[in-house]
């Protein structure tokens, strides 16, 4: 399910870059020129993405390491469980992300710093970091959330698909058509995440900006207009 979702998401990005879906507004004025297929190959080749995350999702389920409910095909998608998984995953990811930045410089250097070489990220940079970073920020929350939310197979597949694709889309160099709605609902946008990549000390959340707002680490993209960002993103 995650792989199929990635195919559609990557096709959407190709359409956006090709102007098939109308004008694309860059979040940051600096242009990173690249060939789409080079970016695609680099994305697919990242061990932090398909190898580590895909290996965890497939391996833990196939080997019977997930809670019993995750093997149930009874019922359809439970959207309450999907929402709970997304919220909790992002909450624990926020904590791990904040900790990587703040606990000790050595921890930051060994885990998250490689990903922060991208101050103006492109969509294909989403999984370009370090194995330690992915294990701490994504796999540890995965393990915790699976023990807290008794989801079935369909809900788990839906969660995994939404989460994996959303995580990639917020690294896009372009704003998305739905961003104004997402911002009103407190959902994470590409511009929100670009704030983190540009300034490092704000917007530690990925899917939601609730935790940043509650804990005082949120910075609106509009405050960076003209200095780092284009207007209206």
Protein backbone atom coordinates (compact mmCIF):
# COMPACT_ATOMS: atom_id res chain seq x y z
CA UNK A 1 0.00 0.00 0.00
CA UNK A 2 2.83 2.39 0.87
CA UNK A 3 4.65 1.58 -2.38
CA UNK A 4 1.51 2.17 -4.45
CA UNK A 5 0.97 5.48 -2.66
CA UNK A 6 4.54 6.48 -3.46
CA UNK A 7 3.96 5.81 -7.16
CA UNK A 8 0.97 8.17 -7.25
CA UNK A 9 2.78 10.79 -5.14
CA UNK A 10 5.85 10.74 -7.38
CA UNK A 11 3.65 10.99 -10.48
CA UNK A 12 1.92 14.00 -8.90
CA UNK A 13 5.32 15.63 -8.36
CA UNK A 14 6.27 14.99 -12.00
CA UNK A 15 3.03 16.61 -13.14
CA UNK A 16 3.69 19.61 -10.91
CA UNK A 17 7.22 20.09 -12.19
CA UNK A 18 5.98 19.75 -15.76
CA UNK A 19 3.33 22.47 -15.22
CA UNK A 20 0.54 20.04 -16.08
CA UNK A 21 -1.29 21.03 -12.91
CA UNK A 22 -0.91 24.77 -13.30
CA UNK A 23 1.64 27.22 -12.00
CA UNK A 24 3.96 26.00 -9.22
CA UNK A 25 5.11 28.48 -6.61
CA UNK A 26 8.53 27.79 -5.15
CA UNK A 27 8.75 28.10 -1.39
CA UNK A 28 12.26 29.52 -1.45
CA UNK A 29 13.48 31.85 -4.21
CA UNK A 30 16.75 29.97 -4.73
CA UNK A 31 16.30 27.46 -7.55
CA UNK A 32 17.80 23.99 -7.21
CA UNK A 33 18.01 22.74 -10.75
CA UNK A 34 17.94 18.99 -11.20
CA UNK A 35 16.72 16.38 -13.62
CA UNK A 36 13.58 14.64 -12.37
CA UNK A 37 14.91 11.14 -13.01
CA UNK A 38 18.13 11.85 -11.12
CA UNK A 39 16.06 12.96 -8.14
CA UNK A 40 13.80 9.93 -8.47
CA UNK A 41 16.73 7.52 -8.48
CA UNK A 42 18.31 9.21 -5.47
CA UNK A 43 14.99 8.98 -3.60
CA UNK A 44 14.53 5.28 -4.37
CA UNK A 45 18.13 4.50 -3.48
CA UNK A 46 18.06 6.00 0.03
CA UNK A 47 18.50 3.16 2.58
CA UNK A 48 16.72 5.27 5.20
CA UNK A 49 13.52 5.12 3.18
CA UNK A 50 12.52 2.01 1.33
CA UNK A 51 15.09 -0.31 2.90
CA UNK A 52 14.79 0.65 6.57
CA UNK A 53 11.19 1.85 6.80
CA UNK A 54 9.91 -0.64 4.23
CA UNK A 55 11.90 -3.40 5.88
CA UNK A 56 10.37 -2.56 9.26
CA UNK A 57 6.80 -2.38 7.96
CA UNK A 58 7.03 -5.62 6.01
CA UNK A 59 9.36 -7.53 8.34
CA UNK A 60 7.56 -6.91 11.63
CA UNK A 61 4.20 -7.83 10.10
CA UNK A 62 5.41 -10.93 8.23
CA UNK A 63 7.35 -12.22 11.23
CA UNK A 64 4.38 -11.88 13.56
CA UNK A 65 5.91 -9.19 15.77
CA UNK A 66 2.93 -6.83 15.64
CA UNK A 67 0.06 -6.85 18.17
CA UNK A 68 -2.74 -9.35 17.32
CA UNK A 69 -5.20 -6.73 16.03
CA UNK A 70 -2.82 -5.86 13.18
CA UNK A 71 -3.47 -9.30 11.65
CA UNK A 72 -7.24 -8.90 11.63
CA UNK A 73 -9.00 -8.33 8.30
CA UNK A 74 -12.35 -7.90 10.03
CA UNK A 75 -14.14 -4.64 9.31
CA UNK A 76 -12.92 -1.84 7.10
CA UNK A 77 -10.83 1.23 7.75
CA UNK A 78 -11.33 2.64 11.24
CA UNK A 79 -10.66 6.32 10.68
CA UNK A 80 -10.46 7.00 14.41
CA UNK A 81 -7.56 4.53 14.62
CA UNK A 82 -5.92 6.08 11.55
CA UNK A 83 -6.16 9.56 13.05
CA UNK A 84 -4.85 8.32 16.39
CA UNK A 85 -1.87 6.66 14.71
CA UNK A 86 -1.02 9.80 12.74
CA UNK A 87 -1.32 12.08 15.78
CA UNK A 88 0.65 9.83 18.11
CA UNK A 89 3.31 9.06 15.50
CA UNK A 90 3.83 12.77 14.92
CA UNK A 91 3.83 13.53 18.66
CA UNK A 92 6.53 10.97 19.46
CA UNK A 93 8.43 11.99 16.34
CA UNK A 94 8.30 15.60 17.57
CA UNK A 95 9.84 14.52 20.89
CA UNK A 96 12.58 12.50 19.22
CA UNK A 97 13.27 15.28 16.72
CA UNK A 98 13.47 17.93 19.44
CA UNK A 99 15.72 15.66 21.49
CA UNK A 100 18.12 15.09 18.59
CA UNK A 101 18.52 18.85 18.27
CA UNK A 102 18.71 19.74 21.96
CA UNK A 103 20.06 16.93 24.16
CA UNK A 104 23.72 17.10 23.11
CA UNK A 105 25.69 18.32 20.06
CA UNK A 106 27.23 14.86 19.65
CA UNK A 107 23.79 13.26 19.34
CA UNK A 108 22.73 15.84 16.78
CA UNK A 109 25.92 15.35 14.77
CA UNK A 110 25.58 11.56 14.75
CA UNK A 111 21.87 11.47 13.91
CA UNK A 112 20.03 14.42 12.42
CA UNK A 113 22.74 16.78 11.18
CA UNK A 114 23.29 14.98 7.84
CA UNK A 115 19.69 15.74 6.90
CA UNK A 116 20.15 19.41 7.72
CA UNK A 117 22.67 19.96 4.98
CA UNK A 118 19.54 20.72 2.95
CA UNK A 119 18.52 24.25 3.90
CA UNK A 120 16.42 24.47 0.73
CA UNK A 121 15.11 20.90 0.42
CA UNK A 122 13.53 19.27 -2.61
CA UNK A 123 10.93 16.53 -2.40
CA UNK A 124 13.52 13.85 -3.09
CA UNK A 125 15.55 14.82 0.01
CA UNK A 126 12.92 13.47 2.41
CA UNK A 127 14.75 10.25 3.28
CA UNK A 128 18.28 11.52 2.69
CA UNK A 129 19.79 11.63 6.19
CA UNK A 130 21.20 8.88 8.36
CA UNK A 131 20.09 5.44 9.50
CA UNK A 132 20.35 6.55 13.12
CA UNK A 133 18.05 9.48 12.47
CA UNK A 134 15.41 7.33 10.77
CA UNK A 135 15.57 4.68 13.49
CA UNK A 136 15.17 7.25 16.27
CA UNK A 137 12.60 9.56 14.69
CA UNK A 138 10.47 7.08 12.76
CA UNK A 139 10.97 3.47 13.85
CA UNK A 140 10.87 4.09 17.61
CA UNK A 141 7.55 5.98 17.32
CA UNK A 142 6.25 3.20 15.03
CA UNK A 143 6.91 0.62 17.75
CA UNK A 144 5.27 2.72 20.46
CA UNK A 145 2.19 3.65 18.43
CA UNK A 146 1.53 0.03 17.42
CA UNK A 147 1.25 -0.83 21.13
CA UNK A 148 -1.13 2.05 21.82
CA UNK A 149 -3.58 1.86 18.92
CA UNK A 150 -5.33 -1.52 18.26
CA UNK A 151 -5.64 -1.01 14.52
CA UNK A 152 -6.58 -3.70 12.02
CA UNK A 153 -4.82 -4.44 8.73
CA UNK A 154 -6.82 -1.90 6.71
CA UNK A 155 -6.30 0.94 9.19
CA UNK A 156 -2.59 0.15 9.46
CA UNK A 157 -2.19 0.18 5.68
CA UNK A 158 -4.04 3.49 5.45
CA UNK A 159 -1.93 5.03 8.20
CA UNK A 160 1.32 3.84 6.61
CA UNK A 161 0.35 5.15 3.18
CA UNK A 162 -0.76 8.57 4.43
CA UNK A 163 2.21 8.94 6.75
CA UNK A 164 4.93 7.94 4.28
CA UNK A 165 3.62 10.14 1.47
CA UNK A 166 2.88 13.12 3.70
CA UNK A 167 6.41 12.92 5.07
CA UNK A 168 7.80 13.18 1.54
CA UNK A 169 5.41 15.90 0.37
CA UNK A 170 6.40 18.32 3.15
CA UNK A 171 9.94 18.33 1.71
CA UNK A 172 8.68 19.56 -1.67
CA UNK A 173 10.31 22.66 -3.09
CA UNK A 174 6.84 23.79 -4.20
CA UNK A 175 3.78 24.73 -2.19
CA UNK A 176 0.76 22.45 -2.67
CA UNK A 177 -2.80 23.37 -3.74
CA UNK A 178 -4.19 22.24 -0.37
CA UNK A 179 -1.74 24.17 1.82
CA UNK A 180 -4.12 27.01 2.77
CA UNK A 181 -6.68 24.49 4.04
CA UNK A 182 -4.01 22.48 5.88
CA UNK A 183 -2.71 25.63 7.56
CA UNK A 184 -6.18 26.53 8.81
CA UNK A 185 -6.51 23.04 10.30
CA UNK A 186 -3.06 23.06 11.88
CA UNK A 187 -1.71 20.40 9.54
CA UNK A 188 1.91 20.51 8.42
CA UNK A 189 2.73 22.02 5.03
CA UNK A 190 5.86 22.06 2.91
CA UNK A 191 6.45 25.71 3.86
CA UNK A 192 6.18 24.86 7.56
CA UNK A 193 8.87 22.23 7.16
CA UNK A 194 11.05 24.52 5.07
CA UNK A 195 11.07 26.86 8.09
CA UNK A 196 12.71 24.08 10.08
CA UNK A 197 15.28 23.35 7.39
CA UNK A 198 16.13 27.04 7.05
CA UNK A 199 16.23 28.08 10.74
CA UNK A 200 16.72 24.70 12.51
CA UNK A 201 15.08 25.75 15.81
CA UNK A 202 11.39 25.91 14.86
CA UNK A 203 8.68 23.58 13.54
CA UNK A 204 9.86 20.22 14.83
CA UNK A 205 6.52 18.64 13.98
CA UNK A 206 5.99 17.05 10.59
CA UNK A 207 2.35 16.16 10.01
CA UNK A 208 0.85 18.54 12.54
CA UNK A 209 1.83 21.90 13.96
CA UNK A 210 -0.14 21.36 17.20
CA UNK A 211 2.87 20.34 19.28
CA UNK A 212 4.94 23.29 18.08
CA UNK A 213 2.14 25.72 18.90
CA UNK A 214 1.59 24.20 22.34
CA UNK A 215 5.30 24.19 23.23
CA UNK A 216 6.23 27.53 21.68
CA UNK A 217 8.40 26.25 18.82
CA UNK A 218 6.16 27.24 15.92
CA UNK A 219 7.23 29.84 13.34
CA UNK A 220 4.85 30.78 10.53
CA UNK A 221 6.31 30.71 6.98
CA UNK A 222 4.83 34.17 6.35
CA UNK A 223 7.31 35.68 8.83
CA UNK A 224 10.15 34.64 6.51
CA UNK A 225 8.63 36.21 3.38
CA UNK A 226 11.03 38.41 1.39
CA UNK A 227 14.01 37.33 3.51
CA UNK A 228 14.10 33.56 2.93
CA UNK A 229 10.76 32.64 1.34
CA UNK A 230 8.60 33.81 -1.50
CA UNK A 231 5.39 35.61 -0.55
CA UNK A 232 2.17 33.68 -0.28
CA UNK A 233 3.59 30.25 0.51
